Protein backbone atom coordinates (compact mmCIF):
# COMPACT_ATOMS: atom_id res chain seq x y z
CA MET A 1 307.02 95.39 36.71
CA SER A 2 305.39 95.88 33.30
CA PHE A 3 302.84 93.81 31.05
CA ASP A 4 304.17 91.07 29.51
CA SER A 5 302.38 90.97 26.47
CA ALA A 6 304.22 87.34 25.78
CA HIS A 7 303.14 86.30 29.10
CA PHE A 8 299.78 87.76 28.59
CA LYS A 9 299.20 85.38 25.60
CA ARG A 10 300.71 82.19 26.71
CA LEU A 11 298.13 82.47 29.79
CA GLU A 12 294.91 83.80 27.56
CA ARG A 13 296.12 80.56 25.15
CA ALA A 14 296.05 78.20 28.33
CA GLY A 15 292.68 79.69 29.51
CA TYR A 16 291.44 79.26 26.23
CA ASN A 17 292.29 75.70 25.35
CA ARG A 18 291.34 74.78 28.96
CA ILE A 19 287.81 75.97 28.44
CA GLY A 20 287.60 74.82 24.66
CA PRO A 21 284.18 72.73 24.85
CA ARG A 22 282.47 74.81 27.33
CA TYR A 23 283.28 78.28 25.83
CA LEU A 24 281.88 76.64 22.68
CA ALA A 25 278.40 75.38 24.40
CA ALA A 26 278.52 79.03 25.97
CA ALA A 27 279.20 81.16 22.58
CA GLY A 28 276.23 80.08 21.41
CA SER A 29 273.96 82.26 23.05
CA ARG A 30 275.95 84.98 20.86
CA SER A 31 274.01 83.97 17.69
CA GLU A 32 271.82 86.96 17.50
CA LEU A 33 274.98 88.99 18.10
CA ALA A 34 276.77 86.54 15.48
CA ALA A 35 274.29 87.29 12.65
CA ALA A 36 274.20 91.16 12.88
CA LEU A 37 277.97 90.73 12.44
CA LEU A 38 277.93 88.78 9.27
CA ALA A 39 275.22 91.06 8.32
CA ALA A 40 277.55 94.30 8.32
CA ALA A 41 280.59 91.90 6.95
CA ARG A 42 277.89 91.78 3.40
CA LEU A 43 279.73 88.35 2.52
CA ALA A 44 279.15 87.03 -0.77
CA PRO A 45 279.82 83.88 -2.48
CA GLY A 46 283.10 83.31 -3.87
CA GLN A 47 284.68 85.30 -1.34
CA ARG A 48 287.86 84.67 0.71
CA VAL A 49 287.46 85.43 4.41
CA LEU A 50 289.32 84.94 7.66
CA ASP A 51 287.84 85.16 11.13
CA LEU A 52 290.24 86.08 13.53
CA ALA A 53 289.66 85.32 17.79
CA SER A 54 287.75 82.75 15.85
CA GLY A 55 287.44 80.87 18.94
CA PRO A 56 285.43 77.43 18.18
CA GLY A 57 284.19 78.93 14.57
CA LEU A 58 280.87 79.71 14.85
CA LEU A 59 281.82 82.96 12.54
CA ALA A 60 283.44 81.11 10.41
CA ARG A 61 280.81 78.47 9.85
CA ASP A 62 278.26 80.82 9.16
CA ALA A 63 281.12 82.41 6.69
CA ARG A 64 281.72 79.64 4.92
CA ASP A 65 277.44 78.85 4.48
CA ALA A 66 277.40 82.47 3.09
CA VAL A 67 280.46 82.44 0.48
CA GLY A 68 279.71 78.82 -0.46
CA ALA A 69 281.81 75.94 -2.13
CA GLN A 70 283.54 78.83 -4.31
CA GLY A 71 284.73 81.05 -1.37
CA LEU A 72 286.99 80.20 1.78
CA ALA A 73 286.38 81.05 5.24
CA VAL A 74 289.31 80.25 7.57
CA ALA A 75 289.07 80.16 11.16
CA SER A 76 291.87 81.32 13.03
CA ASP A 77 292.63 81.71 17.00
CA ILE A 78 295.97 81.12 19.18
CA SER A 79 294.07 78.35 20.72
CA GLU A 80 294.34 75.14 18.95
CA GLY A 81 291.65 73.66 21.72
CA GLN A 82 289.34 75.84 20.77
CA LEU A 83 290.19 75.48 17.21
CA ALA A 84 289.71 71.24 17.87
CA CYS A 85 286.36 71.74 18.88
CA CYS A 86 285.55 72.84 14.44
CA PRO A 87 287.23 70.42 12.89
CA ASP A 88 285.16 70.54 9.72
CA LEU A 89 286.36 74.18 8.91
CA VAL A 90 290.00 75.37 7.26
CA ARG A 91 291.94 76.33 10.39
CA VAL A 92 295.27 77.74 11.52
CA ALA A 93 296.38 78.52 14.46
CA ALA A 94 298.00 81.76 15.00
CA ASP A 95 298.84 84.82 16.62
CA GLY A 96 296.48 87.84 15.07
CA GLU A 97 299.72 90.06 15.47
CA ALA A 98 301.42 88.00 13.27
CA LEU A 99 299.59 86.42 10.63
CA PRO A 100 300.61 83.46 8.65
CA PHE A 101 298.67 84.35 5.38
CA ALA A 102 299.69 86.21 1.94
CA SER A 103 299.40 89.86 1.76
CA ARG A 104 295.48 90.64 -0.60
CA SER A 105 294.72 86.89 0.09
CA PHE A 106 291.42 87.39 1.48
CA ASP A 107 287.93 89.68 0.83
CA ARG A 108 286.74 89.63 4.27
CA ALA A 109 287.80 89.61 7.89
CA LEU A 110 285.92 89.35 10.83
CA CYS A 111 286.76 89.69 14.43
CA GLY A 112 284.17 88.98 16.53
CA LEU A 113 284.65 90.23 20.31
CA GLY A 114 288.10 89.67 20.07
CA LEU A 115 290.24 92.80 19.13
CA MET A 116 290.15 93.79 22.91
CA PHE A 117 292.33 90.82 23.81
CA PHE A 118 294.96 91.66 21.25
CA PRO A 119 297.67 92.94 23.49
CA ASP A 120 298.87 95.10 21.16
CA GLU A 121 295.27 96.00 19.03
CA GLN A 122 297.05 98.12 16.46
CA ALA A 123 299.38 95.72 15.44
CA ALA A 124 296.67 93.08 14.46
CA LEU A 125 295.02 95.62 12.86
CA ARG A 126 297.73 96.21 10.98
CA GLU A 127 298.11 92.74 10.00
CA ILE A 128 294.56 92.86 8.90
CA HIS A 129 295.19 95.15 6.60
CA ARG A 130 298.03 93.87 5.11
CA VAL A 131 295.60 90.87 4.37
CA LEU A 132 292.64 92.51 3.05
CA ARG A 133 292.67 92.91 -1.16
CA PRO A 134 292.01 96.90 -1.54
CA ASP A 135 288.60 96.44 -2.25
CA GLY A 136 288.25 94.05 1.66
CA LEU A 137 286.01 94.73 4.24
CA LEU A 138 286.93 94.40 7.95
CA ALA A 139 284.03 93.11 10.19
CA LEU A 140 284.25 93.59 13.92
CA SER A 141 282.73 93.79 17.24
CA VAL A 142 284.06 94.98 20.56
CA TRP A 143 282.25 95.57 24.10
CA GLY A 144 280.72 99.39 24.57
CA ARG A 145 281.95 101.04 28.08
CA ALA A 146 282.20 99.41 31.06
CA GLU A 147 278.98 100.69 32.95
CA GLU A 148 276.96 99.54 29.86
CA VAL A 149 278.30 96.04 29.92
CA PRO A 150 276.66 94.24 33.23
CA LEU A 151 277.43 90.92 31.23
CA VAL A 152 281.08 91.38 32.38
CA GLU A 153 281.11 94.17 34.53
CA THR A 154 279.29 92.41 36.87
CA ALA A 155 281.77 89.75 37.18
CA LEU A 156 284.91 92.15 37.17
CA SER A 157 283.57 94.48 39.87
CA SER A 158 283.05 91.25 41.93
CA MET A 159 286.49 90.53 41.49
CA ARG A 160 287.84 93.74 42.33
CA ARG A 161 285.98 93.83 45.70
CA VAL A 162 287.61 90.30 46.48
CA LEU A 163 290.69 90.24 44.84
CA PRO A 164 293.65 91.89 45.60
CA PRO A 165 294.81 94.16 42.61
CA PRO A 166 296.71 92.66 39.69
CA LYS A 167 301.06 93.28 39.73
CA VAL A 168 300.20 94.66 36.52
CA ALA A 169 297.30 95.66 34.88
CA ARG A 170 296.34 94.08 31.28
CA PRO A 171 294.58 96.21 28.98
CA SER A 172 290.84 97.09 29.17
CA ILE A 173 288.86 94.96 27.30
CA PHE A 174 286.50 97.92 27.47
CA ARG A 175 289.35 100.51 25.66
CA PHE A 176 287.00 100.52 22.57
CA GLY A 177 283.84 101.30 24.20
CA GLU A 178 283.89 104.65 22.68
CA ALA A 179 282.72 105.13 19.19
CA GLU A 180 285.16 107.70 18.60
CA GLU A 181 287.87 106.22 20.03
CA LEU A 182 287.40 102.55 18.04
CA ALA A 183 287.24 104.89 15.24
CA ARG A 184 290.79 106.41 15.74
CA ARG A 185 292.14 103.43 16.02
CA LEU A 186 290.72 102.23 12.80
CA ALA A 187 291.46 105.08 11.42
CA ASN A 188 295.37 105.07 13.30
CA ALA A 189 296.60 102.21 12.48
CA SER A 190 300.07 102.60 11.23
CA ALA A 191 301.97 105.01 11.92
CA VAL A 192 302.93 105.20 8.31
CA ARG A 193 299.99 107.32 6.78
CA PRO A 194 297.90 106.47 5.26
CA PHE A 195 298.98 103.38 4.17
CA GLY A 196 297.97 100.41 6.88
CA ASN A 197 295.29 102.68 8.04
CA PHE A 198 291.49 102.28 7.44
CA CYS A 199 288.39 104.34 5.81
CA ASP A 200 284.98 104.34 5.45
CA ILE A 201 284.30 103.46 9.10
CA ASP A 202 280.97 102.83 10.62
CA ILE A 203 280.07 101.87 13.83
CA GLN A 204 276.65 100.90 15.18
CA PRO A 205 275.09 100.04 18.86
CA PHE A 206 273.95 96.66 18.99
CA HIS A 207 272.13 95.39 22.31
CA LEU A 208 272.77 92.06 23.68
CA SER A 209 270.62 90.49 26.03
CA ALA A 210 271.27 87.60 28.13
CA SER A 211 269.08 85.68 30.99
CA PHE A 212 270.80 83.01 33.43
CA ALA A 213 268.58 81.07 36.17
CA ASP A 214 270.80 81.82 38.75
CA ALA A 215 273.72 83.39 39.88
CA GLY A 216 275.81 79.99 39.97
CA ALA A 217 274.63 80.19 36.05
CA TYR A 218 275.90 83.41 35.41
CA TRP A 219 278.84 82.63 37.15
CA GLN A 220 279.85 79.71 35.29
CA GLY A 221 278.99 81.52 32.10
CA PHE A 222 281.63 84.18 32.75
CA LEU A 223 284.43 81.20 33.23
CA ASP A 224 283.18 79.58 30.44
CA LEU A 225 284.10 82.88 28.60
CA ALA A 226 286.86 83.81 30.65
CA GLY A 227 289.80 82.53 28.94
CA GLY A 228 293.27 83.20 30.80
CA ALA A 229 290.42 84.44 33.50
CA ALA A 230 289.52 81.58 34.14
CA GLU A 231 292.69 79.57 33.68
CA SER A 232 293.73 82.20 37.27
CA LEU A 233 290.62 81.81 39.02
CA SER A 234 290.60 77.86 38.82
CA ARG A 235 293.65 78.15 41.12
CA LEU A 236 291.99 80.04 43.52
CA PRO A 237 291.71 78.86 47.36
CA ALA A 238 287.79 77.40 48.40
CA GLU A 239 287.22 80.30 50.52
CA LYS A 240 287.91 82.95 47.75
CA GLN A 241 285.85 80.86 45.32
CA GLN A 242 282.68 81.05 47.81
CA ALA A 243 283.74 85.23 48.20
CA LEU A 244 283.43 85.41 44.93
CA ALA A 245 280.23 83.92 45.04
CA ALA A 246 278.79 86.04 47.28
CA ALA A 247 279.69 89.09 45.59
CA VAL A 248 278.41 87.79 41.86
CA THR A 249 275.19 87.31 43.69
CA GLU A 250 275.45 90.68 45.20
CA ALA A 251 276.10 92.18 42.24
CA LEU A 252 273.62 90.99 40.33
CA ALA A 253 270.69 92.11 42.40
CA PRO A 254 269.98 95.20 40.47
CA HIS A 255 268.91 92.69 37.29
CA ALA A 256 266.81 90.54 38.64
CA VAL A 257 263.53 89.41 36.81
CA ALA A 258 260.51 86.64 37.34
CA GLY A 259 262.87 83.80 37.21
CA GLY A 260 266.37 84.51 37.52
CA TYR A 261 268.57 87.89 36.07
CA GLN A 262 268.39 89.07 32.18
CA LEU A 263 271.33 91.66 31.64
CA THR A 264 271.31 93.54 28.50
CA SER A 265 275.11 94.81 27.45
CA THR A 266 276.00 96.82 24.45
CA VAL A 267 278.41 96.46 21.46
CA LEU A 268 279.97 98.09 19.42
CA VAL A 269 279.64 96.60 15.36
CA ALA A 270 282.08 98.40 13.12
CA THR A 271 283.29 98.05 9.49
CA ALA A 272 286.07 99.38 8.03
CA ARG A 273 287.43 99.47 4.66
CA PRO A 274 291.80 99.64 4.06
CA VAL A 275 293.21 102.46 2.87
């Protein structure tokens, strides 16, 4: 059985619709990462900004404040349930691989921890390139290598221990974890070179630290941000849920500190300009 991107998107959309308000609360813990991405984007008053995979609009709201009344910040996501959490923003529910915006209509494009969730990330990058103005800028963040991201890999490794392997492998969320690979994808977004590609690529590591009082808080935090995975896990029988909880507790042991657990993960923050 081959990977079905349409089915994957439906599952992700349903999952993120399901966890909408909980995602808003959990994502707020990443405010330092959001600030780093916004600083890299070099926003200025009057600019038009598109925030892709916006979720509940946290980045888009900060971008709106930065560009002011003369600018525009649009929150776009495949999940209507996520966008319902930010009714004060300009919102557009859309597939990031087929954006409903005019070409060359934005000065900045943001994508915080989102690119790795697009099944066809090259299609998403081409769409970002299309909607950016020639002097525009893309600012994005992605997870680093799996072994450098215990915030996520602790949960995923526990799932691999307890659950059977999936019938169809999904694209890894760590596939851009090497700076060289991320740069290569950005520089080769389009098969019609050089048009559709990105240049002036800059990639910097950011270390994201997260603390949890206990294993249950960590696992719930993962579920609150897990989208389609949360949708699938919610259907597991009680004994599997309990086995997962036990596996997570064991996997967290290396990260124990006084008062709970602390996990520091690597994120790559990148900027690039359209060719």
